[in-house]
N, C-alpha and C. Protein backbone atom coordinates (compact mmCIF):
# COMPACT_ATOMS: atom_id res chain seq x y z
N UNK A 1 0.77 -1.08 -0.02
CA UNK A 1 -0.01 -0.17 -0.13
C UNK A 1 0.95 1.33 -0.04
N UNK A 2 0.80 2.10 -1.05
CA UNK A 2 2.16 3.12 -1.34
C UNK A 2 1.24 4.37 -1.05
N UNK A 3 1.81 5.26 -0.20
CA UNK A 3 0.89 6.40 -0.19
C UNK A 3 1.97 7.39 -0.64
N UNK A 4 2.55 7.22 -1.66
CA UNK A 4 3.62 8.03 -2.44
C UNK A 4 3.10 8.52 -3.41
N UNK A 5 2.53 7.40 -4.58
CA UNK A 5 2.38 7.88 -6.09
C UNK A 5 1.00 8.30 -5.93
N UNK A 6 -0.29 7.32 -5.58
CA UNK A 6 -1.66 8.07 -5.61
C UNK A 6 -1.88 9.30 -5.09
N UNK A 7 -1.81 9.49 -4.05
CA UNK A 7 -2.26 10.98 -3.41
C UNK A 7 -1.64 12.01 -3.82
N UNK A 8 -0.26 11.85 -4.19
CA UNK A 8 0.69 13.19 -5.14
C UNK A 8 0.02 13.05 -6.53
N UNK A 9 -0.52 12.18 -7.19
CA UNK A 9 -0.68 12.42 -8.61
C UNK A 9 -2.21 12.58 -8.89
N UNK A 10 -2.84 12.18 -7.72
CA UNK A 10 -4.35 12.03 -8.43
C UNK A 10 -5.15 10.76 -8.85
N UNK A 11 -4.21 9.74 -9.12
CA UNK A 11 -4.36 8.61 -9.94
C UNK A 11 -5.20 7.75 -8.67
N UNK A 12 -6.06 6.94 -8.93
CA UNK A 12 -7.21 6.33 -7.99
C UNK A 12 -6.40 4.99 -7.88
N UNK A 13 -6.47 4.26 -6.40
CA UNK A 13 -5.78 3.33 -6.27
C UNK A 13 -6.63 2.34 -5.33
N UNK A 14 -6.62 1.12 -5.39
CA UNK A 14 -7.33 0.29 -4.35
C UNK A 14 -6.27 -0.44 -3.97
N UNK A 15 -6.63 -1.26 -2.91
CA UNK A 15 -5.86 -2.44 -2.14
C UNK A 15 -6.67 -3.56 -2.06
N UNK A 16 -6.05 -4.79 -2.61
CA UNK A 16 -6.80 -6.26 -2.23
C UNK A 16 -6.02 -6.81 -1.32
N UNK A 17 -6.53 -8.07 -0.57
CA UNK A 17 -5.75 -9.06 -0.14
C UNK A 17 -5.25 -9.78 -1.30
N UNK A 18 -3.79 -10.13 -1.14
CA UNK A 18 -3.22 -10.98 -1.98
C UNK A 18 -2.45 -12.44 -1.03
N UNK A 19 -2.73 -12.45 -0.07
CA UNK A 19 -2.46 -13.78 0.89
C UNK A 19 -1.71 -13.38 2.01
N UNK A 20 -1.03 -14.27 2.34
CA UNK A 20 -0.11 -13.90 3.79
C UNK A 20 1.39 -14.14 3.90
N UNK A 21 1.98 -13.76 4.75
CA UNK A 21 3.47 -14.06 5.02
C UNK A 21 3.85 -15.04 5.30
N UNK A 22 4.99 -15.38 5.66
CA UNK A 22 5.58 -16.55 6.17
C UNK A 22 5.02 -16.29 7.72
N UNK A 23 4.91 -15.26 8.36
CA UNK A 23 4.65 -14.98 9.69
C UNK A 23 3.09 -15.46 9.84
N UNK A 24 2.26 -15.42 8.78
CA UNK A 24 0.38 -15.72 8.88
C UNK A 24 0.08 -14.36 8.90
N UNK A 25 0.90 -13.16 8.59
CA UNK A 25 0.10 -12.05 8.32
C UNK A 25 -0.21 -11.56 7.14
N UNK A 26 -1.29 -10.69 6.68
CA UNK A 26 -2.24 -10.55 5.85
C UNK A 26 -1.37 -9.67 4.76
N UNK A 27 -1.09 -10.07 3.63
CA UNK A 27 -0.57 -9.16 2.69
C UNK A 27 -1.72 -8.34 1.83
N UNK A 28 -1.27 -7.36 1.00
CA UNK A 28 -1.91 -6.45 0.23
C UNK A 28 -1.43 -6.42 -1.10
N UNK A 29 -2.22 -6.39 -2.13
CA UNK A 29 -1.82 -5.83 -3.33
C UNK A 29 -2.41 -4.40 -3.73
N UNK A 30 -1.68 -3.55 -3.88
CA UNK A 30 -2.39 -2.37 -4.60
C UNK A 30 -2.15 -2.14 -5.99
N UNK A 31 -3.24 -1.88 -6.53
CA UNK A 31 -3.48 -1.39 -7.84
C UNK A 31 -3.84 -0.25 -8.21
N UNK A 32 -2.92 0.82 -9.17
CA UNK A 32 -3.22 2.04 -9.47
C UNK A 32 -3.77 2.18 -10.92
N UNK A 33 -4.70 3.13 -10.93
CA UNK A 33 -5.34 3.13 -12.11
C UNK A 33 -5.15 4.89 -12.98
N UNK A 34 -5.55 4.48 -14.06
CA UNK A 34 -5.24 5.96 -14.94
C UNK A 34 -6.48 6.72 -13.90
N UNK A 35 -6.39 8.12 -14.38
CA UNK A 35 -7.25 9.09 -13.85
C UNK A 35 -8.43 8.73 -14.54
N UNK A 36 -9.28 8.89 -13.49
CA UNK A 36 -10.77 8.80 -13.80
C UNK A 36 -11.04 7.28 -13.87
N UNK A 37 -10.39 6.43 -13.83
CA UNK A 37 -10.80 4.85 -14.22
C UNK A 37 -11.16 4.05 -13.06
N UNK A 38 -11.94 4.57 -12.10
CA UNK A 38 -12.40 4.18 -11.09
C UNK A 38 -13.35 2.88 -11.09
N UNK A 39 -14.10 2.94 -12.22
CA UNK A 39 -14.98 1.69 -12.32
C UNK A 39 -14.19 0.67 -13.02
N UNK A 40 -13.42 0.73 -13.78
CA UNK A 40 -12.14 -0.13 -14.23
C UNK A 40 -11.70 -0.78 -12.85
N UNK A 41 -11.07 0.04 -12.02
CA UNK A 41 -10.12 -0.33 -11.39
C UNK A 41 -10.98 -1.29 -10.34
N UNK A 42 -12.52 -0.92 -9.87
CA UNK A 42 -12.98 -1.94 -9.15
C UNK A 42 -13.17 -3.00 -9.68
N UNK A 43 -13.37 -3.09 -10.84
CA UNK A 43 -13.76 -4.17 -11.65
C UNK A 43 -12.56 -5.41 -11.41
N UNK A 44 -11.52 -4.45 -11.84
CA UNK A 44 -10.29 -5.38 -11.98
C UNK A 44 -9.78 -6.01 -10.28
N UNK A 45 -10.07 -5.11 -9.42
CA UNK A 45 -9.75 -5.38 -8.03
C UNK A 45 -10.96 -6.54 -7.85
N UNK A 46 -12.00 -6.48 -7.81
CA UNK A 46 -13.24 -7.38 -7.73
C UNK A 46 -12.74 -8.90 -8.44
N UNK A 47 -12.27 -8.80 -9.65
CA UNK A 47 -11.79 -9.88 -10.39
C UNK A 47 -11.08 -10.77 -9.71
N UNK A 48 -9.76 -9.95 -9.12
CA UNK A 48 -8.59 -10.66 -8.68
C UNK A 48 -9.30 -11.26 -7.52
N UNK A 49 -9.91 -10.47 -6.42
CA UNK A 49 -10.38 -11.13 -5.53
C UNK A 49 -11.15 -12.34 -5.62
N UNK A 50 -12.08 -12.29 -6.82
CA UNK A 50 -12.79 -13.92 -6.94
C UNK A 50 -12.06 -15.01 -7.43
N UNK A 51 -10.86 -14.24 -8.50
CA UNK A 51 -9.97 -15.77 -9.03
C UNK A 51 -8.98 -15.99 -7.70
N UNK A 52 -8.59 -15.19 -6.94
CA UNK A 52 -7.60 -15.79 -5.85
C UNK A 52 -8.56 -16.36 -4.45
N UNK A 53 -9.23 -15.89 -4.23
CA UNK A 53 -10.27 -16.19 -2.89
C UNK A 53 -9.10 -15.83 -1.85
N UNK A 54 -8.13 -14.91 -1.50
CA UNK A 54 -7.18 -14.75 -0.84
C UNK A 54 -7.93 -13.81 0.60
N UNK A 55 -8.87 -13.50 0.33
CA UNK A 55 -9.75 -12.50 1.36
C UNK A 55 -10.26 -13.74 2.42
N UNK A 56 -9.74 -13.80 3.58
CA UNK A 56 -10.67 -14.59 4.91
C UNK A 56 -11.22 -13.81 5.95
N UNK A 57 -11.99 -14.19 6.20
CA UNK A 57 -12.72 -13.08 7.31
C UNK A 57 -11.77 -13.66 8.70
N UNK A 58 -11.66 -13.07 9.61
CA UNK A 58 -11.01 -13.15 10.98
C UNK A 58 -11.67 -14.78 11.84
N UNK A 59 -10.95 -15.53 12.50
CA UNK A 59 -11.48 -17.06 12.91
C UNK A 59 -12.69 -16.44 13.86
N UNK A 60 -12.80 -15.35 14.44
CA UNK A 60 -13.99 -15.56 15.27
C UNK A 60 -15.22 -14.84 14.69
N UNK A 61 -15.19 -14.62 13.27
CA UNK A 61 -16.27 -14.41 12.41
C UNK A 61 -16.82 -15.12 11.78
N UNK A 62 -16.26 -16.48 11.59
CA UNK A 62 -16.54 -17.94 10.71
C UNK A 62 -17.90 -18.55 11.53
């Protein structure tokens, strides 16, 4: 999750779960889009989540 490029450029960005580290900590993937490409960015993020199934609810919510 980079706080360097998107905020300063105005490019939209979204972060999605991409798995876990060796220490079982969640890891995220940030996808940056072109200006005013929010609808496409959301579609790409949703497709990634549906294809990978990396998002898991915390154990107490199962």
